[in-house]
């Protein structure tokens, strides 16, 4: 279970760091921009697109904070390329 405050910490981070939400059902959502998640007190609306699909497949998912199991940062390709050059 995630609290409103914990999700808000990830969402409001400066600078924003992309993160992944893992749900109790096994579903995952990658949040790569703060506008991809609309946070409420007990639920969140997650905006996602199916990989390789037409624009018509973009949609919102209503998810419960109670069913969020973990939040984890996603390594960005820019930071990965910097790591590779050092």
PDB file of N, CA and C in Angstrom:
ATOM      1  N   UNK A   1       0.837  -1.182   0.000  1.00  0.00           N
ATOM      2  CA  UNK A   1       0.000   0.000   0.000  1.00  0.00           C
ATOM      3  C   UNK A   1       0.883   1.248   0.000  1.00  0.00           C
ATOM      4  N   UNK A   2       0.581   2.158  -0.881  1.00  0.00           N
ATOM      5  CA  UNK A   2       1.296   3.430  -0.932  1.00  0.00           C
ATOM      6  C   UNK A   2       0.411   4.528  -0.359  1.00  0.00           C
ATOM      7  N   UNK A   3       1.041   5.459   0.305  1.00  0.00           N
ATOM      8  CA  UNK A   3       0.311   6.611   0.834  1.00  0.00           C
ATOM      9  C   UNK A   3       0.338   7.739  -0.187  1.00  0.00           C
ATOM     10  N   UNK A   4      -0.604   8.640  -0.056  1.00  0.00           N
ATOM     11  CA  UNK A   4      -0.650   9.826  -0.899  1.00  0.00           C
ATOM     12  C   UNK A   4       0.693  10.554  -0.848  1.00  0.00           C
ATOM     13  N   UNK A   5       1.227  10.727   0.357  1.00  0.00           N
ATOM     14  CA  UNK A   5       2.468  11.487   0.550  1.00  0.00           C
ATOM     15  C   UNK A   5       3.651  10.836  -0.171  1.00  0.00           C
ATOM     16  N   UNK A   6       3.753   9.518  -0.101  1.00  0.00           N
ATOM     17  CA  UNK A   6       4.870   8.814  -0.737  1.00  0.00           C
ATOM     18  C   UNK A   6       4.825   8.969  -2.260  1.00  0.00           C
ATOM     19  N   UNK A   7       3.655   8.804  -2.847  1.00  0.00           N
ATOM     20  CA  UNK A   7       3.521   8.965  -4.297  1.00  0.00           C
ATOM     21  C   UNK A   7       3.799  10.425  -4.675  1.00  0.00           C
ATOM     22  N   UNK A   8       3.320  11.356  -3.872  1.00  0.00           N
ATOM     23  CA  UNK A   8       3.540  12.778  -4.139  1.00  0.00           C
ATOM     24  C   UNK A   8       5.024  13.125  -4.098  1.00  0.00           C
ATOM     25  N   UNK A   9       5.795  12.489  -3.217  1.00  0.00           N
ATOM     26  CA  UNK A   9       7.245  12.731  -3.161  1.00  0.00           C
ATOM     27  C   UNK A   9       7.903  12.396  -4.499  1.00  0.00           C
ATOM     28  N   UNK A  10       7.541  11.273  -5.084  1.00  0.00           N
ATOM     29  CA  UNK A  10       8.080  10.890  -6.394  1.00  0.00           C
ATOM     30  C   UNK A  10       7.599  11.853  -7.474  1.00  0.00           C
ATOM     31  N   UNK A  11       6.337  12.208  -7.427  1.00  0.00           N
ATOM     32  CA  UNK A  11       5.728  13.037  -8.463  1.00  0.00           C
ATOM     33  C   UNK A  11       6.256  14.475  -8.445  1.00  0.00           C
ATOM     34  N   UNK A  12       6.555  14.997  -7.256  1.00  0.00           N
ATOM     35  CA  UNK A  12       6.968  16.390  -7.102  1.00  0.00           C
ATOM     36  C   UNK A  12       8.474  16.577  -7.001  1.00  0.00           C
ATOM     37  N   UNK A  13       9.254  15.511  -7.180  1.00  0.00           N
ATOM     38  CA  UNK A  13      10.713  15.599  -7.054  1.00  0.00           C
ATOM     39  C   UNK A  13      11.278  16.612  -8.041  1.00  0.00           C
ATOM     40  N   UNK A  14      12.272  17.364  -7.585  1.00  0.00           N
ATOM     41  CA  UNK A  14      12.963  18.341  -8.429  1.00  0.00           C
ATOM     42  C   UNK A  14      14.435  17.994  -8.481  1.00  0.00           C
ATOM     43  N   UNK A  15      15.001  17.667  -9.607  1.00  0.00           N
ATOM     44  CA  UNK A  15      14.320  17.471 -10.884  1.00  0.00           C
ATOM     45  C   UNK A  15      13.526  16.168 -10.862  1.00  0.00           C
ATOM     46  N   UNK A  16      12.543  16.108 -11.728  1.00  0.00           N
ATOM     47  CA  UNK A  16      11.702  14.916 -11.801  1.00  0.00           C
ATOM     48  C   UNK A  16      12.530  13.714 -12.240  1.00  0.00           C
ATOM     49  N   UNK A  17      12.350  12.598 -11.550  1.00  0.00           N
ATOM     50  CA  UNK A  17      13.014  11.330 -11.889  1.00  0.00           C
ATOM     51  C   UNK A  17      11.938  10.328 -12.304  1.00  0.00           C
ATOM     52  N   UNK A  18      11.973   9.828 -13.545  1.00  0.00           N
ATOM     53  CA  UNK A  18      10.973   8.832 -13.956  1.00  0.00           C
ATOM     54  C   UNK A  18      10.947   7.655 -12.983  1.00  0.00           C
ATOM     55  N   UNK A  19       9.742   7.093 -12.765  1.00  0.00           N
ATOM     56  CA  UNK A  19       9.609   5.974 -11.840  1.00  0.00           C
ATOM     57  C   UNK A  19       8.572   4.982 -12.335  1.00  0.00           C
ATOM     58  N   UNK A  20       8.616   3.797 -11.751  1.00  0.00           N
ATOM     59  CA  UNK A  20       7.715   2.703 -12.116  1.00  0.00           C
ATOM     60  C   UNK A  20       6.821   2.386 -10.926  1.00  0.00           C
ATOM     61  N   UNK A  21       5.535   2.181 -11.198  1.00  0.00           N
ATOM     62  CA  UNK A  21       4.569   1.754 -10.186  1.00  0.00           C
ATOM     63  C   UNK A  21       4.302   0.268 -10.430  1.00  0.00           C
ATOM     64  N   UNK A  22       4.458  -0.553  -9.391  1.00  0.00           N
ATOM     65  CA  UNK A  22       4.095  -1.972  -9.475  1.00  0.00           C
ATOM     66  C   UNK A  22       2.841  -2.182  -8.644  1.00  0.00           C
ATOM     67  N   UNK A  23       1.835  -2.782  -9.279  1.00  0.00           N
ATOM     68  CA  UNK A  23       0.550  -3.022  -8.635  1.00  0.00           C
ATOM     69  C   UNK A  23       0.476  -4.441  -8.072  1.00  0.00           C
ATOM     70  N   UNK A  24      -0.439  -4.661  -7.135  1.00  0.00           N
ATOM     71  CA  UNK A  24      -0.648  -5.982  -6.541  1.00  0.00           C
ATOM     72  C   UNK A  24      -1.044  -7.004  -7.603  1.00  0.00           C
ATOM     73  N   UNK A  25      -1.690  -6.581  -8.662  1.00  0.00           N
ATOM     74  CA  UNK A  25      -2.121  -7.486  -9.743  1.00  0.00           C
ATOM     75  C   UNK A  25      -0.966  -7.940 -10.623  1.00  0.00           C
ATOM     76  N   UNK A  26       0.197  -7.292 -10.473  1.00  0.00           N
ATOM     77  CA  UNK A  26       1.335  -7.580 -11.335  1.00  0.00           C
ATOM     78  C   UNK A  26       1.505  -6.555 -12.447  1.00  0.00           C
ATOM     79  N   UNK A  27       0.498  -5.710 -12.644  1.00  0.00           N
ATOM     80  CA  UNK A  27       0.588  -4.658 -13.664  1.00  0.00           C
ATOM     81  C   UNK A  27       1.649  -3.635 -13.255  1.00  0.00           C
ATOM     82  N   UNK A  28       2.294  -3.035 -14.242  1.00  0.00           N
ATOM     83  CA  UNK A  28       3.254  -1.971 -13.978  1.00  0.00           C
ATOM     84  C   UNK A  28       2.931  -0.773 -14.852  1.00  0.00           C
ATOM     85  N   UNK A  29       3.259   0.395 -14.342  1.00  0.00           N
ATOM     86  CA  UNK A  29       3.066   1.647 -15.077  1.00  0.00           C
ATOM     87  C   UNK A  29       4.351   2.448 -14.969  1.00  0.00           C
ATOM     88  N   UNK A  30       4.889   2.890 -16.108  1.00  0.00           N
ATOM     89  CA  UNK A  30       6.076   3.728 -16.111  1.00  0.00           C
ATOM     90  C   UNK A  30       5.643   5.179 -16.218  1.00  0.00           C
ATOM     91  N   UNK A  31       6.034   5.957 -15.224  1.00  0.00           N
ATOM     92  CA  UNK A  31       5.708   7.378 -15.184  1.00  0.00           C
ATOM     93  C   UNK A  31       6.954   8.137 -15.615  1.00  0.00           C
ATOM     94  N   UNK A  32       6.961   8.602 -16.860  1.00  0.00           N
ATOM     95  CA  UNK A  32       8.138   9.270 -17.410  1.00  0.00           C
ATOM     96  C   UNK A  32       8.011  10.783 -17.425  1.00  0.00           C
ATOM     97  N   UNK A  33       6.844  11.285 -17.031  1.00  0.00           N
ATOM     98  CA  UNK A  33       6.610  12.735 -16.949  1.00  0.00           C
ATOM     99  C   UNK A  33       5.562  12.954 -15.868  1.00  0.00           C
ATOM    100  N   UNK A  34       5.677  14.022 -15.083  1.00  0.00           N
ATOM    101  CA  UNK A  34       4.712  14.245 -13.994  1.00  0.00           C
ATOM    102  C   UNK A  34       3.259  14.325 -14.452  1.00  0.00           C
ATOM    103  N   UNK A  35       3.017  14.723 -15.690  1.00  0.00           N
ATOM    104  CA  UNK A  35       1.647  14.838 -16.172  1.00  0.00           C
ATOM    105  C   UNK A  35       1.037  13.487 -16.549  1.00  0.00           C
ATOM    106  N   UNK A  36       1.790  12.414 -16.411  1.00  0.00           N
ATOM    107  CA  UNK A  36       1.263  11.078 -16.697  1.00  0.00           C
ATOM    108  C   UNK A  36       0.503  10.495 -15.505  1.00  0.00           C
ATOM    109  N   UNK A  37       0.501  11.206 -14.372  1.00  0.00           N
ATOM    110  CA  UNK A  37      -0.156  10.712 -13.164  1.00  0.00           C
ATOM    111  C   UNK A  37      -0.942  11.840 -12.513  1.00  0.00           C
ATOM    112  N   UNK A  38      -2.228  11.631 -12.329  1.00  0.00           N
ATOM    113  CA  UNK A  38      -3.089  12.567 -11.625  1.00  0.00           C
ATOM    114  C   UNK A  38      -3.418  11.927 -10.286  1.00  0.00           C
ATOM    115  N   UNK A  39      -2.877  12.499  -9.210  1.00  0.00           N
ATOM    116  CA  UNK A  39      -2.941  11.889  -7.885  1.00  0.00           C
ATOM    117  C   UNK A  39      -4.099  12.421  -7.062  1.00  0.00           C
ATOM    118  N   UNK A  40      -4.896  11.507  -6.510  1.00  0.00           N
ATOM    119  CA  UNK A  40      -5.954  11.842  -5.567  1.00  0.00           C
ATOM    120  C   UNK A  40      -5.589  11.296  -4.191  1.00  0.00           C
ATOM    121  N   UNK A  41      -6.443  11.469  -3.216  1.00  0.00           N
ATOM    122  CA  UNK A  41      -6.145  11.011  -1.856  1.00  0.00           C
ATOM    123  C   UNK A  41      -6.107   9.490  -1.733  1.00  0.00           C
ATOM    124  N   UNK A  42      -6.957   8.770  -2.454  1.00  0.00           N
ATOM    125  CA  UNK A  42      -6.991   7.306  -2.344  1.00  0.00           C
ATOM    126  C   UNK A  42      -6.831   6.593  -3.680  1.00  0.00           C
ATOM    127  N   UNK A  43      -6.883   7.343  -4.778  1.00  0.00           N
ATOM    128  CA  UNK A  43      -6.740   6.764  -6.112  1.00  0.00           C
ATOM    129  C   UNK A  43      -5.819   7.633  -6.956  1.00  0.00           C
ATOM    130  N   UNK A  44      -5.423   7.096  -8.085  1.00  0.00           N
ATOM    131  CA  UNK A  44      -4.626   7.853  -9.048  1.00  0.00           C
ATOM    132  C   UNK A  44      -5.107   7.499 -10.442  1.00  0.00           C
ATOM    133  N   UNK A  45      -5.018   8.439 -11.342  1.00  0.00           N
ATOM    134  CA  UNK A  45      -5.286   8.210 -12.761  1.00  0.00           C
ATOM    135  C   UNK A  45      -3.939   8.189 -13.457  1.00  0.00           C
ATOM    136  N   UNK A  46      -3.648   7.072 -14.116  1.00  0.00           N
ATOM    137  CA  UNK A  46      -2.370   6.891 -14.791  1.00  0.00           C
ATOM    138  C   UNK A  46      -2.614   6.913 -16.291  1.00  0.00           C
ATOM    139  N   UNK A  47      -1.889   7.763 -17.008  1.00  0.00           N
ATOM    140  CA  UNK A  47      -1.990   7.875 -18.453  1.00  0.00           C
ATOM    141  C   UNK A  47      -0.941   6.970 -19.069  1.00  0.00           C
ATOM    142  N   UNK A  48      -1.342   6.103 -19.982  1.00  0.00           N
ATOM    143  CA  UNK A  48      -0.373   5.198 -20.604  1.00  0.00           C
ATOM    144  C   UNK A  48      -0.729   4.945 -22.061  1.00  0.00           C
ATOM    145  N   UNK A  49       0.258   4.424 -22.773  1.00  0.00           N
ATOM    146  CA  UNK A  49       0.069   4.037 -24.172  1.00  0.00           C
ATOM    147  C   UNK A  49       0.574   2.621 -24.328  1.00  0.00           C
ATOM    148  N   UNK A  50      -0.063   1.865 -25.201  1.00  0.00           N
ATOM    149  CA  UNK A  50       0.400   0.518 -25.502  1.00  0.00           C
ATOM    150  C   UNK A  50       1.616   0.639 -26.414  1.00  0.00           C
ATOM    151  N   UNK A  51       2.708  -0.050 -26.112  1.00  0.00           N
ATOM    152  CA  UNK A  51       3.906   0.033 -26.959  1.00  0.00           C
ATOM    153  C   UNK A  51       3.607  -0.361 -28.402  1.00  0.00           C
ATOM    154  N   UNK A  52       4.093   0.446 -29.327  1.00  0.00           N
ATOM    155  CA  UNK A  52       3.932   0.138 -30.740  1.00  0.00           C
ATOM    156  C   UNK A  52       2.523   0.284 -31.264  1.00  0.00           C
ATOM    157  N   UNK A  53       1.663   0.992 -30.519  1.00  0.00           N
ATOM    158  CA  UNK A  53       0.273   1.108 -30.955  1.00  0.00           C
ATOM    159  C   UNK A  53      -0.003   2.488 -31.533  1.00  0.00           C
ATOM    160  N   UNK A  54      -1.143   2.594 -32.174  1.00  0.00           N
ATOM    161  CA  UNK A  54      -1.575   3.874 -32.723  1.00  0.00           C
ATOM    162  C   UNK A  54      -1.979   4.810 -31.585  1.00  0.00           C
ATOM    163  N   UNK A  55      -2.048   6.086 -31.871  1.00  0.00           N
ATOM    164  CA  UNK A  55      -2.401   7.082 -30.866  1.00  0.00           C
ATOM    165  C   UNK A  55      -3.760   6.802 -30.227  1.00  0.00           C
ATOM    166  N   UNK A  56      -4.640   6.133 -30.934  1.00  0.00           N
ATOM    167  CA  UNK A  56      -5.972   5.837 -30.409  1.00  0.00           C
ATOM    168  C   UNK A  56      -5.921   4.892 -29.207  1.00  0.00           C
ATOM    169  N   UNK A  57      -4.767   4.261 -28.950  1.00  0.00           N
ATOM    170  CA  UNK A  57      -4.635   3.323 -27.835  1.00  0.00           C
ATOM    171  C   UNK A  57      -4.171   4.016 -26.548  1.00  0.00           C
ATOM    172  N   UNK A  58      -4.025   5.332 -26.557  1.00  0.00           N
ATOM    173  CA  UNK A  58      -3.676   6.075 -25.348  1.00  0.00           C
ATOM    174  C   UNK A  58      -4.883   6.081 -24.426  1.00  0.00           C
ATOM    175  N   UNK A  59      -4.651   5.854 -23.115  1.00  0.00           N
ATOM    176  CA  UNK A  59      -5.795   5.809 -22.215  1.00  0.00           C
ATOM    177  C   UNK A  59      -5.402   6.089 -20.773  1.00  0.00           C
ATOM    178  N   UNK A  60      -6.406   6.365 -19.974  1.00  0.00           N
ATOM    179  CA  UNK A  60      -6.254   6.559 -18.535  1.00  0.00           C
ATOM    180  C   UNK A  60      -6.642   5.285 -17.807  1.00  0.00           C
ATOM    181  N   UNK A  61      -5.906   4.966 -16.749  1.00  0.00           N
ATOM    182  CA  UNK A  61      -6.223   3.837 -15.876  1.00  0.00           C
ATOM    183  C   UNK A  61      -6.506   4.399 -14.489  1.00  0.00           C
ATOM    184  N   UNK A  62      -7.616   4.034 -13.894  1.00  0.00           N
ATOM    185  CA  UNK A  62      -7.916   4.412 -12.514  1.00  0.00           C
ATOM    186  C   UNK A  62      -7.352   3.322 -11.621  1.00  0.00           C
ATOM    187  N   UNK A  63      -6.427   3.687 -10.719  1.00  0.00           N
ATOM    188  CA  UNK A  63      -5.802   2.704  -9.834  1.00  0.00           C
ATOM    189  C   UNK A  63      -5.928   3.151  -8.385  1.00  0.00           C
ATOM    190  N   UNK A  64      -5.969   2.183  -7.490  1.00  0.00           N
ATOM    191  CA  UNK A  64      -6.080   2.445  -6.062  1.00  0.00           C
ATOM    192  C   UNK A  64      -4.700   2.533  -5.431  1.00  0.00           C
ATOM    193  N   UNK A  65      -4.482   3.513  -4.569  1.00  0.00           N
ATOM    194  CA  UNK A  65      -3.220   3.598  -3.848  1.00  0.00           C
ATOM    195  C   UNK A  65      -3.037   2.382  -2.949  1.00  0.00           C
ATOM    196  N   UNK A  66      -4.143   1.811  -2.474  1.00  0.00           N
ATOM    197  CA  UNK A  66      -4.083   0.630  -1.615  1.00  0.00           C
ATOM    198  C   UNK A  66      -3.483  -0.578  -2.339  1.00  0.00           C
ATOM    199  N   UNK A  67      -3.611  -0.611  -3.672  1.00  0.00           N
ATOM    200  CA  UNK A  67      -3.131  -1.747  -4.449  1.00  0.00           C
ATOM    201  C   UNK A  67      -1.762  -1.507  -5.083  1.00  0.00           C
ATOM    202  N   UNK A  68      -1.160  -0.341  -4.816  1.00  0.00           N
ATOM    203  CA  UNK A  68       0.202  -0.089  -5.275  1.00  0.00           C
ATOM    204  C   UNK A  68       1.157  -0.774  -4.304  1.00  0.00           C
ATOM    205  N   UNK A  69       2.026  -1.639  -4.835  1.00  0.00           N
ATOM    206  CA  UNK A  69       2.974  -2.345  -3.983  1.00  0.00           C
ATOM    207  C   UNK A  69       4.300  -1.632  -3.850  1.00  0.00           C
ATOM    208  N   UNK A  70       4.866  -1.196  -4.972  1.00  0.00           N
ATOM    209  CA  UNK A  70       6.164  -0.526  -4.907  1.00  0.00           C
ATOM    210  C   UNK A  70       6.246   0.617  -5.906  1.00  0.00           C
ATOM    211  N   UNK A  71       7.123   1.550  -5.596  1.00  0.00           N
ATOM    212  CA  UNK A  71       7.526   2.619  -6.500  1.00  0.00           C
ATOM    213  C   UNK A  71       9.035   2.497  -6.615  1.00  0.00           C
ATOM    214  N   UNK A  72       9.551   2.555  -7.833  1.00  0.00           N
ATOM    215  CA  UNK A  72      10.993   2.456  -8.004  1.00  0.00           C
ATOM    216  C   UNK A  72      11.449   3.371  -9.128  1.00  0.00           C
ATOM    217  N   UNK A  73      12.600   4.019  -8.955  1.00  0.00           N
ATOM    218  CA  UNK A  73      13.124   4.888 -10.014  1.00  0.00           C
ATOM    219  C   UNK A  73      13.444   4.089 -11.265  1.00  0.00           C
ATOM    220  N   UNK A  74      13.301   4.737 -12.414  1.00  0.00           N
ATOM    221  CA  UNK A  74      13.678   4.154 -13.707  1.00  0.00           C
ATOM    222  C   UNK A  74      14.955   4.856 -14.137  1.00  0.00           C
ATOM    223  N   UNK A  75      15.958   4.071 -14.493  1.00  0.00           N
ATOM    224  CA  UNK A  75      17.186   4.659 -15.018  1.00  0.00           C
ATOM    225  C   UNK A  75      16.888   5.305 -16.359  1.00  0.00           C
ATOM    226  N   UNK A  76      17.262   6.557 -16.517  1.00  0.00           N
ATOM    227  CA  UNK A  76      17.042   7.225 -17.807  1.00  0.00           C
ATOM    228  C   UNK A  76      18.184   6.893 -18.744  1.00  0.00           C
ATOM    229  N   UNK A  77      17.925   6.960 -20.041  1.00  0.00           N
ATOM    230  CA  UNK A  77      18.958   6.638 -21.029  1.00  0.00           C
ATOM    231  C   UNK A  77      20.113   7.625 -20.963  1.00  0.00           C
ATOM    232  N   UNK A  78      19.847   8.884 -20.563  1.00  0.00           N
ATOM    233  CA  UNK A  78      20.917   9.887 -20.451  1.00  0.00           C
ATOM    234  C   UNK A  78      21.881   9.496 -19.334  1.00  0.00           C
ATOM    235  N   UNK A  79      21.358   9.061 -18.189  1.00  0.00           N
ATOM    236  CA  UNK A  79      22.246   8.686 -17.089  1.00  0.00           C
ATOM    237  C   UNK A  79      22.982   7.391 -17.412  1.00  0.00           C
ATOM    238  N   UNK A  80      22.366   6.493 -18.176  1.00  0.00           N
ATOM    239  CA  UNK A  80      23.028   5.256 -18.562  1.00  0.00           C
ATOM    240  C   UNK A  80      24.187   5.537 -19.505  1.00  0.00           C
ATOM    241  N   UNK A  81      24.022   6.499 -20.423  1.00  0.00           N
ATOM    242  CA  UNK A  81      25.094   6.814 -21.359  1.00  0.00           C
ATOM    243  C   UNK A  81      26.252   7.504 -20.635  1.00  0.00           C
ATOM    244  N   UNK A  82      25.951   8.292 -19.613  1.00  0.00           N
ATOM    245  CA  UNK A  82      27.008   8.938 -18.826  1.00  0.00           C
ATOM    246  C   UNK A  82      27.792   7.878 -18.061  1.00  0.00           C
ATOM    247  N   UNK A  83      27.098   6.894 -17.477  1.00  0.00           N
ATOM    248  CA  UNK A  83      27.766   5.819 -16.749  1.00  0.00           C
ATOM    249  C   UNK A  83      28.695   5.019 -17.670  1.00  0.00           C
ATOM    250  N   UNK A  84      28.265   4.825 -18.908  1.00  0.00           N
ATOM    251  CA  UNK A  84      29.051   4.041 -19.847  1.00  0.00           C
ATOM    252  C   UNK A  84      30.320   4.736 -20.307  1.00  0.00           C
ATOM    253  N   UNK A  85      30.375   6.081 -20.219  1.00  0.00           N
ATOM    254  CA  UNK A  85      31.533   6.825 -20.698  1.00  0.00           C
ATOM    255  C   UNK A  85      32.554   7.057 -19.604  1.00  0.00           C
ATOM    256  N   UNK A  86      32.252   6.727 -18.394  1.00  0.00           N
ATOM    257  CA  UNK A  86      33.190   6.974 -17.297  1.00  0.00           C
ATOM    258  C   UNK A  86      34.081   5.799 -17.038  1.00  0.00           C
TER     259      UNK A  86
END
